[in-house]
């Protein structure tokens, strides 16, 4: 693949953690996490392992989407000014 080789030269492929859920060959529900470059890579890897993927979701980074805490006007911290 020419695009994969070009991506490696530019600084690598970005990977993320993915949470997945699927069923194994016996029908048992199995869950796990995997580092990959995309959801389709996770699904293909699971299928090669004999797992039928049902859900594949990118995990959010801890604290990345949180806004800074603000004190309300009625808090004791703001009345000390």
PDB file of N, CA and C in Angstrom:
ATOM      1  N   UNK A   1       0.824  -1.171   0.000  1.00  0.00           N
ATOM      2  CA  UNK A   1       0.000   0.000   0.000  1.00  0.00           C
ATOM      3  C   UNK A   1       0.873   1.242   0.000  1.00  0.00           C
ATOM      4  N   UNK A   2       0.750   2.034  -0.997  1.00  0.00           N
ATOM      5  CA  UNK A   2       1.545   3.247  -1.105  1.00  0.00           C
ATOM      6  C   UNK A   2       1.120   4.276  -0.065  1.00  0.00           C
ATOM      7  N   UNK A   3      -0.155   4.340   0.269  1.00  0.00           N
ATOM      8  CA  UNK A   3      -0.616   5.345   1.231  1.00  0.00           C
ATOM      9  C   UNK A   3      -0.127   5.034   2.637  1.00  0.00           C
ATOM     10  N   UNK A   4      -0.068   3.785   3.009  1.00  0.00           N
ATOM     11  CA  UNK A   4       0.422   3.412   4.331  1.00  0.00           C
ATOM     12  C   UNK A   4       1.906   3.724   4.463  1.00  0.00           C
ATOM     13  N   UNK A   5       2.669   3.473   3.411  1.00  0.00           N
ATOM     14  CA  UNK A   5       4.101   3.772   3.433  1.00  0.00           C
ATOM     15  C   UNK A   5       4.324   5.276   3.507  1.00  0.00           C
ATOM     16  N   UNK A   6       3.522   6.044   2.798  1.00  0.00           N
ATOM     17  CA  UNK A   6       3.647   7.497   2.834  1.00  0.00           C
ATOM     18  C   UNK A   6       3.287   8.041   4.213  1.00  0.00           C
ATOM     19  N   UNK A   7       2.286   7.463   4.846  1.00  0.00           N
ATOM     20  CA  UNK A   7       1.887   7.913   6.181  1.00  0.00           C
ATOM     21  C   UNK A   7       2.985   7.647   7.193  1.00  0.00           C
ATOM     22  N   UNK A   8       3.676   6.536   7.062  1.00  0.00           N
ATOM     23  CA  UNK A   8       4.765   6.224   7.980  1.00  0.00           C
ATOM     24  C   UNK A   8       5.912   7.217   7.826  1.00  0.00           C
ATOM     25  N   UNK A   9       6.175   7.643   6.605  1.00  0.00           N
ATOM     26  CA  UNK A   9       7.237   8.613   6.367  1.00  0.00           C
ATOM     27  C   UNK A   9       6.892   9.973   6.950  1.00  0.00           C
ATOM     28  N   UNK A  10       5.616  10.349   6.948  1.00  0.00           N
ATOM     29  CA  UNK A  10       5.190  11.663   7.433  1.00  0.00           C
ATOM     30  C   UNK A  10       5.142  11.748   8.946  1.00  0.00           C
ATOM     31  N   UNK A  11       5.266  10.683   9.650  1.00  0.00           N
ATOM     32  CA  UNK A  11       5.195  10.757  11.102  1.00  0.00           C
ATOM     33  C   UNK A  11       4.342   9.674  11.715  1.00  0.00           C
ATOM     34  N   UNK A  12       3.929   8.732  10.936  1.00  0.00           N
ATOM     35  CA  UNK A  12       3.214   7.599  11.492  1.00  0.00           C
ATOM     36  C   UNK A  12       1.710   7.727  11.400  1.00  0.00           C
ATOM     37  N   UNK A  13       1.068   6.618  11.660  1.00  0.00           N
ATOM     38  CA  UNK A  13      -0.379   6.539  11.642  1.00  0.00           C
ATOM     39  C   UNK A  13      -0.864   6.819  13.056  1.00  0.00           C
ATOM     40  N   UNK A  14      -1.871   7.669  13.177  1.00  0.00           N
ATOM     41  CA  UNK A  14      -2.424   7.982  14.491  1.00  0.00           C
ATOM     42  C   UNK A  14      -3.255   6.808  14.976  1.00  0.00           C
ATOM     43  N   UNK A  15      -2.976   6.361  16.181  1.00  0.00           N
ATOM     44  CA  UNK A  15      -3.739   5.270  16.767  1.00  0.00           C
ATOM     45  C   UNK A  15      -4.511   5.786  17.963  1.00  0.00           C
ATOM     46  N   UNK A  16      -5.598   5.109  18.280  1.00  0.00           N
ATOM     47  CA  UNK A  16      -6.428   5.444  19.428  1.00  0.00           C
ATOM     48  C   UNK A  16      -6.870   4.143  20.086  1.00  0.00           C
ATOM     49  N   UNK A  17      -7.416   4.270  21.277  1.00  0.00           N
ATOM     50  CA  UNK A  17      -7.958   3.109  21.976  1.00  0.00           C
ATOM     51  C   UNK A  17      -9.429   2.965  21.608  1.00  0.00           C
ATOM     52  N   UNK A  18      -9.826   1.730  21.344  1.00  0.00           N
ATOM     53  CA  UNK A  18     -11.206   1.425  20.990  1.00  0.00           C
ATOM     54  C   UNK A  18     -11.748   0.377  21.945  1.00  0.00           C
ATOM     55  N   UNK A  19     -12.976   0.582  22.386  1.00  0.00           N
ATOM     56  CA  UNK A  19     -13.697  -0.406  23.181  1.00  0.00           C
ATOM     57  C   UNK A  19     -14.521  -1.220  22.206  1.00  0.00           C
ATOM     58  N   UNK A  20     -14.509  -2.540  22.353  1.00  0.00           N
ATOM     59  CA  UNK A  20     -15.283  -3.379  21.451  1.00  0.00           C
ATOM     60  C   UNK A  20     -16.086  -4.408  22.229  1.00  0.00           C
ATOM     61  N   UNK A  21     -17.153  -4.859  21.595  1.00  0.00           N
ATOM     62  CA  UNK A  21     -18.018  -5.902  22.147  1.00  0.00           C
ATOM     63  C   UNK A  21     -18.440  -6.783  20.983  1.00  0.00           C
ATOM     64  N   UNK A  22     -18.426  -8.089  21.194  1.00  0.00           N
ATOM     65  CA  UNK A  22     -18.799  -9.005  20.124  1.00  0.00           C
ATOM     66  C   UNK A  22     -19.165 -10.368  20.672  1.00  0.00           C
ATOM     67  N   UNK A  23     -19.365 -11.309  19.760  1.00  0.00           N
ATOM     68  CA  UNK A  23     -19.699 -12.686  20.136  1.00  0.00           C
ATOM     69  C   UNK A  23     -18.647 -13.616  19.543  1.00  0.00           C
ATOM     70  N   UNK A  24     -18.219 -14.564  20.388  1.00  0.00           N
ATOM     71  CA  UNK A  24     -17.252 -15.554  19.896  1.00  0.00           C
ATOM     72  C   UNK A  24     -17.992 -16.652  19.140  1.00  0.00           C
ATOM     73  N   UNK A  25     -17.249 -17.657  18.703  1.00  0.00           N
ATOM     74  CA  UNK A  25     -17.848 -18.721  17.880  1.00  0.00           C
ATOM     75  C   UNK A  25     -18.936 -19.504  18.600  1.00  0.00           C
ATOM     76  N   UNK A  26     -18.856 -19.572  19.925  1.00  0.00           N
ATOM     77  CA  UNK A  26     -19.872 -20.303  20.685  1.00  0.00           C
ATOM     78  C   UNK A  26     -21.077 -19.430  21.033  1.00  0.00           C
ATOM     79  N   UNK A  27     -21.046 -18.148  20.681  1.00  0.00           N
ATOM     80  CA  UNK A  27     -22.167 -17.246  20.945  1.00  0.00           C
ATOM     81  C   UNK A  27     -22.034 -16.447  22.222  1.00  0.00           C
ATOM     82  N   UNK A  28     -20.947 -16.665  22.948  1.00  0.00           N
ATOM     83  CA  UNK A  28     -20.720 -15.949  24.203  1.00  0.00           C
ATOM     84  C   UNK A  28     -20.316 -14.503  23.920  1.00  0.00           C
ATOM     85  N   UNK A  29     -20.886 -13.544  24.688  1.00  0.00           N
ATOM     86  CA  UNK A  29     -20.544 -12.134  24.536  1.00  0.00           C
ATOM     87  C   UNK A  29     -19.168 -11.889  25.156  1.00  0.00           C
ATOM     88  N   UNK A  30     -18.303 -11.269  24.399  1.00  0.00           N
ATOM     89  CA  UNK A  30     -16.963 -10.930  24.866  1.00  0.00           C
ATOM     90  C   UNK A  30     -16.739  -9.441  24.645  1.00  0.00           C
ATOM     91  N   UNK A  31     -15.911  -8.825  25.527  1.00  0.00           N
ATOM     92  CA  UNK A  31     -15.631  -7.386  25.481  1.00  0.00           C
ATOM     93  C   UNK A  31     -14.138  -7.174  25.615  1.00  0.00           C
ATOM     94  N   UNK A  32     -13.676  -6.029  25.152  1.00  0.00           N
ATOM     95  CA  UNK A  32     -12.270  -5.721  25.317  1.00  0.00           C
ATOM     96  C   UNK A  32     -11.910  -4.358  24.773  1.00  0.00           C
ATOM     97  N   UNK A  33     -10.612  -4.082  24.807  1.00  0.00           N
ATOM     98  CA  UNK A  33     -10.056  -2.836  24.299  1.00  0.00           C
ATOM     99  C   UNK A  33      -8.935  -3.170  23.329  1.00  0.00           C
ATOM    100  N   UNK A  34      -8.742  -2.294  22.363  1.00  0.00           N
ATOM    101  CA  UNK A  34      -7.689  -2.517  21.386  1.00  0.00           C
ATOM    102  C   UNK A  34      -7.180  -1.172  20.881  1.00  0.00           C
ATOM    103  N   UNK A  35      -5.872  -1.076  20.699  1.00  0.00           N
ATOM    104  CA  UNK A  35      -5.275   0.109  20.093  1.00  0.00           C
ATOM    105  C   UNK A  35      -5.196  -0.141  18.597  1.00  0.00           C
ATOM    106  N   UNK A  36      -5.746   0.802  17.820  1.00  0.00           N
ATOM    107  CA  UNK A  36      -5.753   0.652  16.362  1.00  0.00           C
ATOM    108  C   UNK A  36      -5.891   2.015  15.706  1.00  0.00           C
ATOM    109  N   UNK A  37      -5.740   2.034  14.396  1.00  0.00           N
ATOM    110  CA  UNK A  37      -5.835   3.285  13.646  1.00  0.00           C
ATOM    111  C   UNK A  37      -7.262   3.607  13.220  1.00  0.00           C
ATOM    112  N   UNK A  38      -8.196   2.686  13.400  1.00  0.00           N
ATOM    113  CA  UNK A  38      -9.582   2.954  13.039  1.00  0.00           C
ATOM    114  C   UNK A  38     -10.509   1.825  13.448  1.00  0.00           C
ATOM    115  N   UNK A  39     -11.805   2.132  13.441  1.00  0.00           N
ATOM    116  CA  UNK A  39     -12.813   1.144  13.828  1.00  0.00           C
ATOM    117  C   UNK A  39     -12.798  -0.062  12.891  1.00  0.00           C
ATOM    118  N   UNK A  40     -12.579   0.193  11.602  1.00  0.00           N
ATOM    119  CA  UNK A  40     -12.578  -0.912  10.642  1.00  0.00           C
ATOM    120  C   UNK A  40     -11.395  -1.858  10.872  1.00  0.00           C
ATOM    121  N   UNK A  41     -10.289  -1.331  11.361  1.00  0.00           N
ATOM    122  CA  UNK A  41      -9.122  -2.178  11.672  1.00  0.00           C
ATOM    123  C   UNK A  41      -9.446  -3.078  12.859  1.00  0.00           C
ATOM    124  N   UNK A  42     -10.118  -2.515  13.863  1.00  0.00           N
ATOM    125  CA  UNK A  42     -10.521  -3.301  15.039  1.00  0.00           C
ATOM    126  C   UNK A  42     -11.468  -4.420  14.610  1.00  0.00           C
ATOM    127  N   UNK A  43     -12.473  -4.088  13.815  1.00  0.00           N
ATOM    128  CA  UNK A  43     -13.453  -5.089  13.380  1.00  0.00           C
ATOM    129  C   UNK A  43     -12.785  -6.207  12.574  1.00  0.00           C
ATOM    130  N   UNK A  44     -11.876  -5.844  11.681  1.00  0.00           N
ATOM    131  CA  UNK A  44     -11.195  -6.861  10.868  1.00  0.00           C
ATOM    132  C   UNK A  44     -10.318  -7.765  11.727  1.00  0.00           C
ATOM    133  N   UNK A  45      -9.629  -7.185  12.699  1.00  0.00           N
ATOM    134  CA  UNK A  45      -8.776  -7.972  13.595  1.00  0.00           C
ATOM    135  C   UNK A  45      -9.612  -8.947  14.418  1.00  0.00           C
ATOM    136  N   UNK A  46     -10.757  -8.479  14.909  1.00  0.00           N
ATOM    137  CA  UNK A  46     -11.635  -9.351  15.695  1.00  0.00           C
ATOM    138  C   UNK A  46     -12.178 -10.497  14.846  1.00  0.00           C
ATOM    139  N   UNK A  47     -12.573 -10.204  13.611  1.00  0.00           N
ATOM    140  CA  UNK A  47     -13.082 -11.263  12.737  1.00  0.00           C
ATOM    141  C   UNK A  47     -12.016 -12.324  12.478  1.00  0.00           C
ATOM    142  N   UNK A  48     -10.767 -11.905  12.328  1.00  0.00           N
ATOM    143  CA  UNK A  48      -9.681 -12.882  12.139  1.00  0.00           C
ATOM    144  C   UNK A  48      -9.501 -13.757  13.371  1.00  0.00           C
ATOM    145  N   UNK A  49      -9.869 -13.240  14.536  1.00  0.00           N
ATOM    146  CA  UNK A  49      -9.744 -13.998  15.781  1.00  0.00           C
ATOM    147  C   UNK A  49     -10.990 -14.827  16.066  1.00  0.00           C
ATOM    148  N   UNK A  50     -11.974 -14.815  15.156  1.00  0.00           N
ATOM    149  CA  UNK A  50     -13.187 -15.602  15.340  1.00  0.00           C
ATOM    150  C   UNK A  50     -14.237 -14.914  16.170  1.00  0.00           C
ATOM    151  N   UNK A  51     -14.159 -13.601  16.279  1.00  0.00           N
ATOM    152  CA  UNK A  51     -15.135 -12.828  17.050  1.00  0.00           C
ATOM    153  C   UNK A  51     -15.943 -11.980  16.080  1.00  0.00           C
ATOM    154  N   UNK A  52     -17.266 -12.053  16.211  1.00  0.00           N
ATOM    155  CA  UNK A  52     -18.155 -11.248  15.379  1.00  0.00           C
ATOM    156  C   UNK A  52     -18.407  -9.923  16.111  1.00  0.00           C
ATOM    157  N   UNK A  53     -17.811  -8.813  15.654  1.00  0.00           N
ATOM    158  CA  UNK A  53     -17.961  -7.539  16.370  1.00  0.00           C
ATOM    159  C   UNK A  53     -19.380  -6.992  16.280  1.00  0.00           C
ATOM    160  N   UNK A  54     -19.927  -6.562  17.436  1.00  0.00           N
ATOM    161  CA  UNK A  54     -21.249  -5.951  17.487  1.00  0.00           C
ATOM    162  C   UNK A  54     -21.128  -4.449  17.709  1.00  0.00           C
ATOM    163  N   UNK A  55     -20.170  -4.038  18.547  1.00  0.00           N
ATOM    164  CA  UNK A  55     -19.948  -2.618  18.834  1.00  0.00           C
ATOM    165  C   UNK A  55     -18.457  -2.340  18.821  1.00  0.00           C
ATOM    166  N   UNK A  56     -18.085  -1.239  18.209  1.00  0.00           N
ATOM    167  CA  UNK A  56     -16.704  -0.753  18.258  1.00  0.00           C
ATOM    168  C   UNK A  56     -16.808   0.754  18.424  1.00  0.00           C
ATOM    169  N   UNK A  57     -16.293   1.266  19.549  1.00  0.00           N
ATOM    170  CA  UNK A  57     -16.371   2.697  19.820  1.00  0.00           C
ATOM    171  C   UNK A  57     -15.013   3.231  20.231  1.00  0.00           C
ATOM    172  N   UNK A  58     -14.695   4.405  19.740  1.00  0.00           N
ATOM    173  CA  UNK A  58     -13.454   5.063  20.120  1.00  0.00           C
ATOM    174  C   UNK A  58     -13.607   5.581  21.541  1.00  0.00           C
ATOM    175  N   UNK A  59     -12.616   5.298  22.377  1.00  0.00           N
ATOM    176  CA  UNK A  59     -12.666   5.766  23.755  1.00  0.00           C
ATOM    177  C   UNK A  59     -12.223   7.214  23.814  1.00  0.00           C
ATOM    178  N   UNK A  60     -12.900   7.992  24.617  1.00  0.00           N
ATOM    179  CA  UNK A  60     -12.533   9.389  24.800  1.00  0.00           C
ATOM    180  C   UNK A  60     -11.355   9.474  25.756  1.00  0.00           C
ATOM    181  N   UNK A  61     -10.531  10.463  25.554  1.00  0.00           N
ATOM    182  CA  UNK A  61      -9.407  10.678  26.454  1.00  0.00           C
ATOM    183  C   UNK A  61      -9.924  11.202  27.779  1.00  0.00           C
ATOM    184  N   UNK A  62      -9.361  10.747  28.866  1.00  0.00           N
ATOM    185  CA  UNK A  62      -9.785  11.180  30.198  1.00  0.00           C
ATOM    186  C   UNK A  62      -9.472  12.654  30.379  1.00  0.00           C
ATOM    187  N   UNK A  63     -10.490  13.435  30.693  1.00  0.00           N
ATOM    188  CA  UNK A  63     -10.297  14.850  30.968  1.00  0.00           C
ATOM    189  C   UNK A  63     -10.219  15.734  29.743  1.00  0.00           C
ATOM    190  N   UNK A  64     -10.233  15.198  28.549  1.00  0.00           N
ATOM    191  CA  UNK A  64     -10.070  16.010  27.346  1.00  0.00           C
ATOM    192  C   UNK A  64     -11.307  16.867  27.064  1.00  0.00           C
ATOM    193  N   UNK A  65     -12.481  16.347  27.364  1.00  0.00           N
ATOM    194  CA  UNK A  65     -13.700  17.073  27.026  1.00  0.00           C
ATOM    195  C   UNK A  65     -14.250  17.865  28.212  1.00  0.00           C
ATOM    196  N   UNK A  66     -13.592  17.803  29.318  1.00  0.00           N
ATOM    197  CA  UNK A  66     -14.092  18.496  30.503  1.00  0.00           C
ATOM    198  C   UNK A  66     -13.734  19.968  30.453  1.00  0.00           C
ATOM    199  N   UNK A  67     -14.671  20.791  30.888  1.00  0.00           N
ATOM    200  CA  UNK A  67     -14.396  22.221  30.964  1.00  0.00           C
ATOM    201  C   UNK A  67     -13.850  22.532  32.358  1.00  0.00           C
ATOM    202  N   UNK A  68     -13.121  23.618  32.500  1.00  0.00           N
ATOM    203  CA  UNK A  68     -12.581  23.943  33.822  1.00  0.00           C
ATOM    204  C   UNK A  68     -13.706  24.219  34.815  1.00  0.00           C
ATOM    205  N   UNK A  69     -13.464  23.871  36.055  1.00  0.00           N
ATOM    206  CA  UNK A  69     -14.483  24.094  37.080  1.00  0.00           C
ATOM    207  C   UNK A  69     -14.608  25.585  37.369  1.00  0.00           C
ATOM    208  N   UNK A  70     -15.826  26.003  37.550  1.00  0.00           N
ATOM    209  CA  UNK A  70     -16.077  27.398  37.889  1.00  0.00           C
ATOM    210  C   UNK A  70     -16.799  27.425  39.221  1.00  0.00           C
ATOM    211  N   UNK A  71     -16.483  28.394  40.030  1.00  0.00           N
ATOM    212  CA  UNK A  71     -17.201  28.530  41.291  1.00  0.00           C
ATOM    213  C   UNK A  71     -18.440  29.372  41.046  1.00  0.00           C
ATOM    214  N   UNK A  72     -19.525  28.994  41.667  1.00  0.00           N
ATOM    215  CA  UNK A  72     -20.758  29.758  41.489  1.00  0.00           C
ATOM    216  C   UNK A  72     -20.699  31.015  42.349  1.00  0.00           C
ATOM    217  N   UNK A  73     -21.548  31.946  42.083  1.00  0.00           N
ATOM    218  CA  UNK A  73     -21.541  33.221  42.825  1.00  0.00           C
ATOM    219  C   UNK A  73     -21.943  33.029  44.274  1.00  0.00           C
ATOM    220  N   UNK A  74     -22.648  31.966  44.551  1.00  0.00           N
ATOM    221  CA  UNK A  74     -23.094  31.752  45.927  1.00  0.00           C
ATOM    222  C   UNK A  74     -22.107  30.894  46.726  1.00  0.00           C
ATOM    223  N   UNK A  75     -21.004  30.539  46.127  1.00  0.00           N
ATOM    224  CA  UNK A  75     -20.039  29.711  46.855  1.00  0.00           C
ATOM    225  C   UNK A  75     -19.233  30.561  47.841  1.00  0.00           C
ATOM    226  N   UNK A  76     -18.759  29.961  48.920  1.00  0.00           N
ATOM    227  CA  UNK A  76     -17.979  30.702  49.907  1.00  0.00           C
ATOM    228  C   UNK A  76     -16.688  31.272  49.308  1.00  0.00           C
ATOM    229  N   UNK A  77     -16.145  30.670  48.309  1.00  0.00           N
ATOM    230  CA  UNK A  77     -14.888  31.142  47.718  1.00  0.00           C
ATOM    231  C   UNK A  77     -15.079  32.500  47.050  1.00  0.00           C
ATOM    232  N   UNK A  78     -16.224  32.728  46.419  1.00  0.00           N
ATOM    233  CA  UNK A  78     -16.442  33.998  45.724  1.00  0.00           C
ATOM    234  C   UNK A  78     -16.852  35.112  46.681  1.00  0.00           C
ATOM    235  N   UNK A  79     -17.376  34.801  47.862  1.00  0.00           N
ATOM    236  CA  UNK A  79     -17.799  35.837  48.798  1.00  0.00           C
ATOM    237  C   UNK A  79     -16.640  36.393  49.608  1.00  0.00           C
ATOM    238  N   UNK A  80     -15.466  35.790  49.526  1.00  0.00           N
ATOM    239  CA  UNK A  80     -14.302  36.247  50.289  1.00  0.00           C
ATOM    240  C   UNK A  80     -13.534  37.357  49.569  1.00  0.00           C
ATOM    241  N   UNK A  81     -13.913  37.730  48.402  1.00  0.00           N
ATOM    242  CA  UNK A  81     -13.170  38.724  47.629  1.00  0.00           C
ATOM    243  C   UNK A  81     -13.251  40.083  48.200  1.00  0.00           C
TER     244      UNK A  81
END
